[in-house]
Amino acid sequence: MGEIGNKVMATIMVGFEGRRGWLNSLAVLPEYQSNGYGGELVKHALKELKKLGAPKVNLLIRPTNTKVKEFYEKLGFQIEDAILMAHRFPKEK
């Protein structure tokens, strides 16, 4: 988590399920974006996941989110072939 004073300006949520690490969520307030804060959080998360024994780290990006795709590519992430499957629950009335 990144803070300036008492204000949270950036945060990251990661997970490790024993086989691989996951970057689940990264958020940086708009006024602090493009200053390296997000990249530093990702680098710290990668370091910690490696310490836990994660052999790789995954994340999901919507295909239309090209800005975020480029951000992660600059940090060394690569596109892998995979099939994403989901189960949606019907909306309850």
PDB file of N, CA and C in Angstrom:
ATOM      1  N   MET A   1       0.850  -1.176   0.000  1.00  0.00           N
ATOM      2  CA  MET A   1       0.000   0.000   0.000  1.00  0.00           C
ATOM      3  C   MET A   1       0.889   1.230   0.000  1.00  0.00           C
ATOM      4  N   GLY A   2       0.534   2.207  -0.790  1.00  0.00           N
ATOM      5  CA  GLY A   2       1.267   3.462  -0.829  1.00  0.00           C
ATOM      6  C   GLY A   2       0.476   4.555  -0.138  1.00  0.00           C
ATOM      7  N   GLU A   3       1.150   5.275   0.719  1.00  0.00           N
ATOM      8  CA  GLU A   3       0.493   6.360   1.443  1.00  0.00           C
ATOM      9  C   GLU A   3       1.300   7.636   1.328  1.00  0.00           C
ATOM     10  N   ILE A   4       0.595   8.748   1.288  1.00  0.00           N
ATOM     11  CA  ILE A   4       1.204  10.069   1.401  1.00  0.00           C
ATOM     12  C   ILE A   4       0.470  10.742   2.542  1.00  0.00           C
ATOM     13  N   GLY A   5       1.190  11.010   3.613  1.00  0.00           N
ATOM     14  CA  GLY A   5       0.532  11.492   4.818  1.00  0.00           C
ATOM     15  C   GLY A   5      -0.378  10.395   5.335  1.00  0.00           C
ATOM     16  N   ASN A   6      -1.627  10.707   5.552  1.00  0.00           N
ATOM     17  CA  ASN A   6      -2.611   9.715   5.982  1.00  0.00           C
ATOM     18  C   ASN A   6      -3.503   9.267   4.832  1.00  0.00           C
ATOM     19  N   LYS A   7      -3.128   9.600   3.609  1.00  0.00           N
ATOM     20  CA  LYS A   7      -3.958   9.302   2.439  1.00  0.00           C
ATOM     21  C   LYS A   7      -3.407   8.083   1.694  1.00  0.00           C
ATOM     22  N   VAL A   8      -4.246   7.062   1.515  1.00  0.00           N
ATOM     23  CA  VAL A   8      -3.868   5.905   0.698  1.00  0.00           C
ATOM     24  C   VAL A   8      -3.999   6.338  -0.756  1.00  0.00           C
ATOM     25  N   MET A   9      -2.880   6.287  -1.484  1.00  0.00           N
ATOM     26  CA  MET A   9      -2.905   6.710  -2.880  1.00  0.00           C
ATOM     27  C   MET A   9      -2.693   5.562  -3.849  1.00  0.00           C
ATOM     28  N   ALA A  10      -2.291   4.393  -3.318  1.00  0.00           N
ATOM     29  CA  ALA A  10      -2.091   3.221  -4.171  1.00  0.00           C
ATOM     30  C   ALA A  10      -2.213   1.962  -3.324  1.00  0.00           C
ATOM     31  N   THR A  11      -2.723   0.907  -3.947  1.00  0.00           N
ATOM     32  CA  THR A  11      -2.855  -0.358  -3.229  1.00  0.00           C
ATOM     33  C   THR A  11      -2.788  -1.516  -4.226  1.00  0.00           C
ATOM     34  N   ILE A  12      -2.367  -2.669  -3.729  1.00  0.00           N
ATOM     35  CA  ILE A  12      -2.306  -3.868  -4.560  1.00  0.00           C
ATOM     36  C   ILE A  12      -2.796  -5.043  -3.729  1.00  0.00           C
ATOM     37  N   MET A  13      -3.532  -5.936  -4.372  1.00  0.00           N
ATOM     38  CA  MET A  13      -3.994  -7.153  -3.712  1.00  0.00           C
ATOM     39  C   MET A  13      -3.424  -8.338  -4.478  1.00  0.00           C
ATOM     40  N   VAL A  14      -2.708  -9.209  -3.775  1.00  0.00           N
ATOM     41  CA  VAL A  14      -2.084 -10.370  -4.401  1.00  0.00           C
ATOM     42  C   VAL A  14      -2.510 -11.630  -3.666  1.00  0.00           C
ATOM     43  N   GLY A  15      -2.276 -12.766  -4.312  1.00  0.00           N
ATOM     44  CA  GLY A  15      -2.586 -14.036  -3.677  1.00  0.00           C
ATOM     45  C   GLY A  15      -1.597 -15.100  -4.113  1.00  0.00           C
ATOM     46  N   PHE A  16      -1.500 -16.133  -3.306  1.00  0.00           N
ATOM     47  CA  PHE A  16      -0.671 -17.286  -3.643  1.00  0.00           C
ATOM     48  C   PHE A  16      -1.417 -18.508  -3.169  1.00  0.00           C
ATOM     49  N   GLU A  17      -1.773 -19.400  -4.112  1.00  0.00           N
ATOM     50  CA  GLU A  17      -2.569 -20.570  -3.761  1.00  0.00           C
ATOM     51  C   GLU A  17      -1.744 -21.844  -3.762  1.00  0.00           C
ATOM     52  N   GLY A  18      -0.419 -21.700  -3.651  1.00  0.00           N
ATOM     53  CA  GLY A  18       0.436 -22.866  -3.559  1.00  0.00           C
ATOM     54  C   GLY A  18       1.073 -23.284  -4.870  1.00  0.00           C
ATOM     55  N   ARG A  19       0.465 -22.913  -5.982  1.00  0.00           N
ATOM     56  CA  ARG A  19       1.016 -23.249  -7.306  1.00  0.00           C
ATOM     57  C   ARG A  19       1.489 -22.029  -8.068  1.00  0.00           C
ATOM     58  N   ARG A  20       0.771 -20.935  -7.921  1.00  0.00           N
ATOM     59  CA  ARG A  20       1.146 -19.720  -8.642  1.00  0.00           C
ATOM     60  C   ARG A  20       0.670 -18.505  -7.867  1.00  0.00           C
ATOM     61  N   GLY A  21       1.333 -17.412  -8.130  1.00  0.00           N
ATOM     62  CA  GLY A  21       0.911 -16.151  -7.543  1.00  0.00           C
ATOM     63  C   GLY A  21      -0.072 -15.456  -8.465  1.00  0.00           C
ATOM     64  N   TRP A  22      -0.855 -14.579  -7.892  1.00  0.00           N
ATOM     65  CA  TRP A  22      -1.828 -13.801  -8.652  1.00  0.00           C
ATOM     66  C   TRP A  22      -1.754 -12.338  -8.249  1.00  0.00           C
ATOM     67  N   LEU A  23      -1.767 -11.465  -9.249  1.00  0.00           N
ATOM     68  CA  LEU A  23      -2.010 -10.051  -8.998  1.00  0.00           C
ATOM     69  C   LEU A  23      -3.494  -9.855  -9.255  1.00  0.00           C
ATOM     70  N   ASN A  24      -4.240  -9.654  -8.202  1.00  0.00           N
ATOM     71  CA  ASN A  24      -5.692  -9.576  -8.316  1.00  0.00           C
ATOM     72  C   ASN A  24      -6.197  -8.161  -8.571  1.00  0.00           C
ATOM     73  N   SER A  25      -5.513  -7.183  -8.013  1.00  0.00           N
ATOM     74  CA  SER A  25      -5.999  -5.819  -8.154  1.00  0.00           C
ATOM     75  C   SER A  25      -4.873  -4.838  -7.857  1.00  0.00           C
ATOM     76  N   LEU A  26      -4.737  -3.841  -8.703  1.00  0.00           N
ATOM     77  CA  LEU A  26      -3.800  -2.738  -8.493  1.00  0.00           C
ATOM     78  C   LEU A  26      -4.560  -1.457  -8.746  1.00  0.00           C
ATOM     79  N   ALA A  27      -4.466  -0.528  -7.839  1.00  0.00           N
ATOM     80  CA  ALA A  27      -5.157   0.750  -8.017  1.00  0.00           C
ATOM     81  C   ALA A  27      -4.253   1.880  -7.549  1.00  0.00           C
ATOM     82  N   VAL A  28      -4.198   2.918  -8.362  1.00  0.00           N
ATOM     83  CA  VAL A  28      -3.460   4.140  -8.013  1.00  0.00           C
ATOM     84  C   VAL A  28      -4.399   5.303  -8.311  1.00  0.00           C
ATOM     85  N   LEU A  29      -4.552   6.196  -7.348  1.00  0.00           N
ATOM     86  CA  LEU A  29      -5.409   7.356  -7.581  1.00  0.00           C
ATOM     87  C   LEU A  29      -4.945   8.090  -8.841  1.00  0.00           C
ATOM     88  N   PRO A  30      -5.895   8.576  -9.648  1.00  0.00           N
ATOM     89  CA  PRO A  30      -5.540   9.205 -10.924  1.00  0.00           C
ATOM     90  C   PRO A  30      -4.452  10.268 -10.825  1.00  0.00           C
ATOM     91  N   GLU A  31      -4.482  11.083  -9.795  1.00  0.00           N
ATOM     92  CA  GLU A  31      -3.500  12.171  -9.689  1.00  0.00           C
ATOM     93  C   GLU A  31      -2.084  11.673  -9.377  1.00  0.00           C
ATOM     94  N   TYR A  32      -1.952  10.383  -9.035  1.00  0.00           N
ATOM     95  CA  TYR A  32      -0.644   9.808  -8.735  1.00  0.00           C
ATOM     96  C   TYR A  32      -0.189   8.797  -9.789  1.00  0.00           C
ATOM     97  N   GLN A  33      -1.002   8.584 -10.820  1.00  0.00           N
ATOM     98  CA  GLN A  33      -0.636   7.637 -11.873  1.00  0.00           C
ATOM     99  C   GLN A  33       0.494   8.203 -12.732  1.00  0.00           C
ATOM    100  N   SER A  34       1.223   7.310 -13.372  1.00  0.00           N
ATOM    101  CA  SER A  34       2.351   7.650 -14.259  1.00  0.00           C
ATOM    102  C   SER A  34       3.530   8.261 -13.511  1.00  0.00           C
ATOM    103  N   ASN A  35       3.627   7.980 -12.224  1.00  0.00           N
ATOM    104  CA  ASN A  35       4.756   8.443 -11.421  1.00  0.00           C
ATOM    105  C   ASN A  35       5.583   7.291 -10.872  1.00  0.00           C
ATOM    106  N   GLY A  36       5.286   6.052 -11.299  1.00  0.00           N
ATOM    107  CA  GLY A  36       6.068   4.901 -10.875  1.00  0.00           C
ATOM    108  C   GLY A  36       5.547   4.185  -9.641  1.00  0.00           C
ATOM    109  N   TYR A  37       4.500   4.702  -9.005  1.00  0.00           N
ATOM    110  CA  TYR A  37       3.997   4.081  -7.775  1.00  0.00           C
ATOM    111  C   TYR A  37       3.427   2.687  -8.035  1.00  0.00           C
ATOM    112  N   GLY A  38       2.647   2.537  -9.095  1.00  0.00           N
ATOM    113  CA  GLY A  38       2.080   1.235  -9.433  1.00  0.00           C
ATOM    114  C   GLY A  38       3.164   0.222  -9.740  1.00  0.00           C
ATOM    115  N   GLY A  39       4.143   0.625 -10.508  1.00  0.00           N
ATOM    116  CA  GLY A  39       5.257  -0.260 -10.848  1.00  0.00           C
ATOM    117  C   GLY A  39       6.020  -0.714  -9.617  1.00  0.00           C
ATOM    118  N   GLU A  40       6.234   0.186  -8.687  1.00  0.00           N
ATOM    119  CA  GLU A  40       6.934  -0.177  -7.454  1.00  0.00           C
ATOM    120  C   GLU A  40       6.127  -1.176  -6.628  1.00  0.00           C
ATOM    121  N   LEU A  41       4.817  -0.987  -6.577  1.00  0.00           N
ATOM    122  CA  LEU A  41       3.977  -1.949  -5.847  1.00  0.00           C
ATOM    123  C   LEU A  41       4.030  -3.323  -6.508  1.00  0.00           C
ATOM    124  N   VAL A  42       3.979  -3.369  -7.832  1.00  0.00           N
ATOM    125  CA  VAL A  42       4.044  -4.646  -8.538  1.00  0.00           C
ATOM    126  C   VAL A  42       5.390  -5.319  -8.286  1.00  0.00           C
ATOM    127  N   LYS A  43       6.476  -4.565  -8.382  1.00  0.00           N
ATOM    128  CA  LYS A  43       7.810  -5.130  -8.138  1.00  0.00           C
ATOM    129  C   LYS A  43       7.918  -5.686  -6.723  1.00  0.00           C
ATOM    130  N   HIS A  44       7.371  -4.971  -5.755  1.00  0.00           N
ATOM    131  CA  HIS A  44       7.392  -5.455  -4.364  1.00  0.00           C
ATOM    132  C   HIS A  44       6.563  -6.737  -4.237  1.00  0.00           C
ATOM    133  N   ALA A  45       5.397  -6.756  -4.874  1.00  0.00           N
ATOM    134  CA  ALA A  45       4.537  -7.949  -4.826  1.00  0.00           C
ATOM    135  C   ALA A  45       5.244  -9.143  -5.462  1.00  0.00           C
ATOM    136  N   LEU A  46       5.909  -8.925  -6.593  1.00  0.00           N
ATOM    137  CA  LEU A  46       6.630 -10.015  -7.253  1.00  0.00           C
ATOM    138  C   LEU A  46       7.736 -10.567  -6.350  1.00  0.00           C
ATOM    139  N   LYS A  47       8.442  -9.676  -5.695  1.00  0.00           N
ATOM    140  CA  LYS A  47       9.512 -10.092  -4.777  1.00  0.00           C
ATOM    141  C   LYS A  47       8.955 -10.946  -3.641  1.00  0.00           C
ATOM    142  N   GLU A  48       7.846 -10.534  -3.078  1.00  0.00           N
ATOM    143  CA  GLU A  48       7.244 -11.275  -1.967  1.00  0.00           C
ATOM    144  C   GLU A  48       6.681 -12.615  -2.434  1.00  0.00           C
ATOM    145  N   LEU A  49       6.059 -12.644  -3.600  1.00  0.00           N
ATOM    146  CA  LEU A  49       5.526 -13.901  -4.125  1.00  0.00           C
ATOM    147  C   LEU A  49       6.655 -14.886  -4.446  1.00  0.00           C
ATOM    148  N   LYS A  50       7.762 -14.373  -4.942  1.00  0.00           N
ATOM    149  CA  LYS A  50       8.920 -15.235  -5.209  1.00  0.00           C
ATOM    150  C   LYS A  50       9.433 -15.840  -3.904  1.00  0.00           C
ATOM    151  N   LYS A  51       9.490 -15.030  -2.845  1.00  0.00           N
ATOM    152  CA  LYS A  51       9.922 -15.533  -1.523  1.00  0.00           C
ATOM    153  C   LYS A  51       9.017 -16.654  -1.034  1.00  0.00           C
ATOM    154  N   LEU A  52       7.733 -16.582  -1.361  1.00  0.00           N
ATOM    155  CA  LEU A  52       6.772 -17.613  -0.949  1.00  0.00           C
ATOM    156  C   LEU A  52       6.888 -18.889  -1.787  1.00  0.00           C
ATOM    157  N   GLY A  53       7.664 -18.820  -2.867  1.00  0.00           N
ATOM    158  CA  GLY A  53       7.862 -19.996  -3.700  1.00  0.00           C
ATOM    159  C   GLY A  53       7.023 -20.038  -4.957  1.00  0.00           C
ATOM    160  N   ALA A  54       6.395 -18.944  -5.311  1.00  0.00           N
ATOM    161  CA  ALA A  54       5.595 -18.917  -6.529  1.00  0.00           C
ATOM    162  C   ALA A  54       6.513 -19.030  -7.745  1.00  0.00           C
ATOM    163  N   PRO A  55       6.313 -20.036  -8.612  1.00  0.00           N
ATOM    164  CA  PRO A  55       7.150 -20.163  -9.794  1.00  0.00           C
ATOM    165  C   PRO A  55       6.765 -19.190 -10.913  1.00  0.00           C
ATOM    166  N   LYS A  56       5.551 -18.667 -10.843  1.00  0.00           N
ATOM    167  CA  LYS A  56       5.087 -17.681 -11.820  1.00  0.00           C
ATOM    168  C   LYS A  56       3.969 -16.866 -11.199  1.00  0.00           C
ATOM    169  N   VAL A  57       3.657 -15.754 -11.832  1.00  0.00           N
ATOM    170  CA  VAL A  57       2.594 -14.874 -11.341  1.00  0.00           C
ATOM    171  C   VAL A  57       1.670 -14.573 -12.519  1.00  0.00           C
ATOM    172  N   ASN A  58       0.388 -14.733 -12.301  1.00  0.00           N
ATOM    173  CA  ASN A  58      -0.631 -14.479 -13.316  1.00  0.00           C
ATOM    174  C   ASN A  58      -1.428 -13.230 -12.974  1.00  0.00           C
ATOM    175  N   LEU A  59      -2.034 -12.669 -14.006  1.00  0.00           N
ATOM    176  CA  LEU A  59      -3.018 -11.605 -13.827  1.00  0.00           C
ATOM    177  C   LEU A  59      -3.939 -11.623 -15.029  1.00  0.00           C
ATOM    178  N   LEU A  60      -5.084 -11.033 -14.895  1.00  0.00           N
ATOM    179  CA  LEU A  60      -6.068 -10.965 -15.979  1.00  0.00           C
ATOM    180  C   LEU A  60      -6.298  -9.509 -16.355  1.00  0.00           C
ATOM    181  N   ILE A  61      -6.379  -9.259 -17.651  1.00  0.00           N
ATOM    182  CA  ILE A  61      -6.647  -7.912 -18.173  1.00  0.00           C
ATOM    183  C   ILE A  61      -7.691  -8.051 -19.269  1.00  0.00           C
ATOM    184  N   ARG A  62      -8.648  -7.154 -19.285  1.00  0.00           N
ATOM    185  CA  ARG A  62      -9.608  -7.143 -20.388  1.00  0.00           C
ATOM    186  C   ARG A  62      -8.870  -6.785 -21.676  1.00  0.00           C
ATOM    187  N   PRO A  63      -9.192  -7.450 -22.793  1.00  0.00           N
ATOM    188  CA  PRO A  63      -8.499  -7.196 -24.062  1.00  0.00           C
ATOM    189  C   PRO A  63      -8.534  -5.732 -24.516  1.00  0.00           C
ATOM    190  N   THR A  64      -9.579  -5.020 -24.137  1.00  0.00           N
ATOM    191  CA  THR A  64      -9.709  -3.619 -24.554  1.00  0.00           C
ATOM    192  C   THR A  64      -8.879  -2.657 -23.710  1.00  0.00           C
ATOM    193  N   ASN A  65      -8.310  -3.138 -22.611  1.00  0.00           N
ATOM    194  CA  ASN A  65      -7.564  -2.273 -21.699  1.00  0.00           C
ATOM    195  C   ASN A  65      -6.089  -2.221 -22.113  1.00  0.00           C
ATOM    196  N   THR A  66      -5.830  -1.611 -23.256  1.00  0.00           N
ATOM    197  CA  THR A  66      -4.482  -1.608 -23.823  1.00  0.00           C
ATOM    198  C   THR A  66      -3.484  -0.839 -22.957  1.00  0.00           C
ATOM    199  N   LYS A  67      -3.920   0.194 -22.283  1.00  0.00           N
ATOM    200  CA  LYS A  67      -3.012   0.975 -21.426  1.00  0.00           C
ATOM    201  C   LYS A  67      -2.450   0.100 -20.304  1.00  0.00           C
ATOM    202  N   VAL A  68      -3.306  -0.696 -19.702  1.00  0.00           N
ATOM    203  CA  VAL A  68      -2.858  -1.570 -18.610  1.00  0.00           C
ATOM    204  C   VAL A  68      -1.997  -2.705 -19.156  1.00  0.00           C
ATOM    205  N   LYS A  69      -2.348  -3.231 -20.326  1.00  0.00           N
ATOM    206  CA  LYS A  69      -1.541  -4.269 -20.962  1.00  0.00           C
ATOM    207  C   LYS A  69      -0.115  -3.767 -21.178  1.00  0.00           C
ATOM    208  N   GLU A  70       0.030  -2.568 -21.708  1.00  0.00           N
ATOM    209  CA  GLU A  70       1.352  -1.979 -21.936  1.00  0.00           C
ATOM    210  C   GLU A  70       2.099  -1.759 -20.624  1.00  0.00           C
ATOM    211  N   PHE A  71       1.397  -1.345 -19.577  1.00  0.00           N
ATOM    212  CA  PHE A  71       1.999  -1.149 -18.254  1.00  0.00           C
ATOM    213  C   PHE A  71       2.654  -2.435 -17.767  1.00  0.00           C
ATOM    214  N   TYR A  72       1.917  -3.550 -17.853  1.00  0.00           N
ATOM    215  CA  TYR A  72       2.457  -4.823 -17.375  1.00  0.00           C
ATOM    216  C   TYR A  72       3.544  -5.374 -18.304  1.00  0.00           C
ATOM    217  N   GLU A  73       3.436  -5.128 -19.597  1.00  0.00           N
ATOM    218  CA  GLU A  73       4.494  -5.567 -20.511  1.00  0.00           C
ATOM    219  C   GLU A  73       5.815  -4.893 -20.168  1.00  0.00           C
ATOM    220  N   LYS A  74       5.767  -3.624 -19.796  1.00  0.00           N
ATOM    221  CA  LYS A  74       6.992  -2.906 -19.396  1.00  0.00           C
ATOM    222  C   LYS A  74       7.605  -3.500 -18.131  1.00  0.00           C
ATOM    223  N   LEU A  75       6.788  -4.187 -17.334  1.00  0.00           N
ATOM    224  CA  LEU A  75       7.273  -4.818 -16.101  1.00  0.00           C
ATOM    225  C   LEU A  75       7.687  -6.272 -16.334  1.00  0.00           C
ATOM    226  N   GLY A  76       7.687  -6.717 -17.598  1.00  0.00           N
ATOM    227  CA  GLY A  76       8.163  -8.050 -17.924  1.00  0.00           C
ATOM    228  C   GLY A  76       7.103  -9.119 -18.076  1.00  0.00           C
ATOM    229  N   PHE A  77       5.840  -8.759 -17.989  1.00  0.00           N
ATOM    230  CA  PHE A  77       4.770  -9.737 -18.171  1.00  0.00           C
ATOM    231  C   PHE A  77       4.584 -10.016 -19.656  1.00  0.00           C
ATOM    232  N   GLN A  78       4.195 -11.249 -19.966  1.00  0.00           N
ATOM    233  CA  GLN A  78       3.974 -11.666 -21.348  1.00  0.00           C
ATOM    234  C   GLN A  78       2.591 -12.308 -21.468  1.00  0.00           C
ATOM    235  N   ILE A  79       2.028 -12.225 -22.654  1.00  0.00           N
ATOM    236  CA  ILE A  79       0.741 -12.869 -22.919  1.00  0.00           C
ATOM    237  C   ILE A  79       0.968 -14.364 -23.061  1.00  0.00           C
ATOM    238  N   GLU A  80       0.125 -15.161 -22.406  1.00  0.00           N
ATOM    239  CA  GLU A  80       0.180 -16.619 -22.508  1.00  0.00           C
ATOM    240  C   GLU A  80      -1.133 -17.128 -23.078  1.00  0.00           C
ATOM    241  N   ASP A  81      -1.051 -18.244 -23.778  1.00  0.00           N
ATOM    242  CA  ASP A  81      -2.272 -18.889 -24.250  1.00  0.00           C
ATOM    243  C   ASP A  81      -2.974 -19.534 -23.061  1.00  0.00           C
ATOM    244  N   ALA A  82      -4.231 -19.233 -22.914  1.00  0.00           N
ATOM    245  CA  ALA A  82      -5.024 -19.819 -21.834  1.00  0.00           C
ATOM    246  C   ALA A  82      -6.495 -19.690 -22.210  1.00  0.00           C
ATOM    247  N   ILE A  83      -7.299 -20.473 -21.566  1.00  0.00           N
ATOM    248  CA  ILE A  83      -8.742 -20.364 -21.727  1.00  0.00           C
ATOM    249  C   ILE A  83      -9.296 -19.871 -20.401  1.00  0.00           C
ATOM    250  N   LEU A  84      -9.965 -18.758 -20.448  1.00  0.00           N
ATOM    251  CA  LEU A  84     -10.608 -18.204 -19.263  1.00  0.00           C
ATOM    252  C   LEU A  84     -12.048 -18.684 -19.262  1.00  0.00           C
ATOM    253  N   MET A  85     -12.442 -19.315 -18.189  1.00  0.00           N
ATOM    254  CA  MET A  85     -13.820 -19.780 -18.058  1.00  0.00           C
ATOM    255  C   MET A  85     -14.419 -19.141 -16.812  1.00  0.00           C
ATOM    256  N   ALA A  86     -15.706 -18.937 -16.853  1.00  0.00           N
ATOM    257  CA  ALA A  86     -16.401 -18.329 -15.723  1.00  0.00           C
ATOM    258  C   ALA A  86     -17.778 -18.953 -15.582  1.00  0.00           C
ATOM    259  N   HIS A  87     -18.307 -18.866 -14.405  1.00  0.00           N
ATOM    260  CA  HIS A  87     -19.687 -19.288 -14.142  1.00  0.00           C
ATOM    261  C   HIS A  87     -20.403 -18.088 -13.549  1.00  0.00           C
ATOM    262  N   ARG A  88     -21.448 -17.674 -14.195  1.00  0.00           N
ATOM    263  CA  ARG A  88     -22.225 -16.530 -13.684  1.00  0.00           C
ATOM    264  C   ARG A  88     -23.467 -17.047 -12.979  1.00  0.00           C
ATOM    265  N   PHE A  89     -23.734 -16.480 -11.850  1.00  0.00           N
ATOM    266  CA  PHE A  89     -24.946 -16.811 -11.118  1.00  0.00           C
ATOM    267  C   PHE A  89     -26.092 -15.961 -11.638  1.00  0.00           C
ATOM    268  N   PRO A  90     -27.270 -16.534 -11.809  1.00  0.00           N
ATOM    269  CA  PRO A  90     -28.400 -15.723 -12.254  1.00  0.00           C
ATOM    270  C   PRO A  90     -28.741 -14.684 -11.213  1.00  0.00           C
ATOM    271  N   LYS A  91     -29.195 -13.541 -11.709  1.00  0.00           N
ATOM    272  CA  LYS A  91     -29.606 -12.471 -10.774  1.00  0.00           C
ATOM    273  C   LYS A  91     -30.828 -12.917 -10.020  1.00  0.00           C
ATOM    274  N   GLU A  92     -30.803 -12.681  -8.742  1.00  0.00           N
ATOM    275  CA  GLU A  92     -31.949 -13.054  -7.909  1.00  0.00           C
ATOM    276  C   GLU A  92     -32.970 -11.934  -7.942  1.00  0.00           C
ATOM    277  N   LYS A  93     -34.223 -12.332  -7.955  1.00  0.00           N
ATOM    278  CA  LYS A  93     -35.312 -11.351  -8.001  1.00  0.00           C
ATOM    279  C   LYS A  93     -35.770 -10.986  -6.627  1.00  0.00           C
TER     280      LYS A  93
END
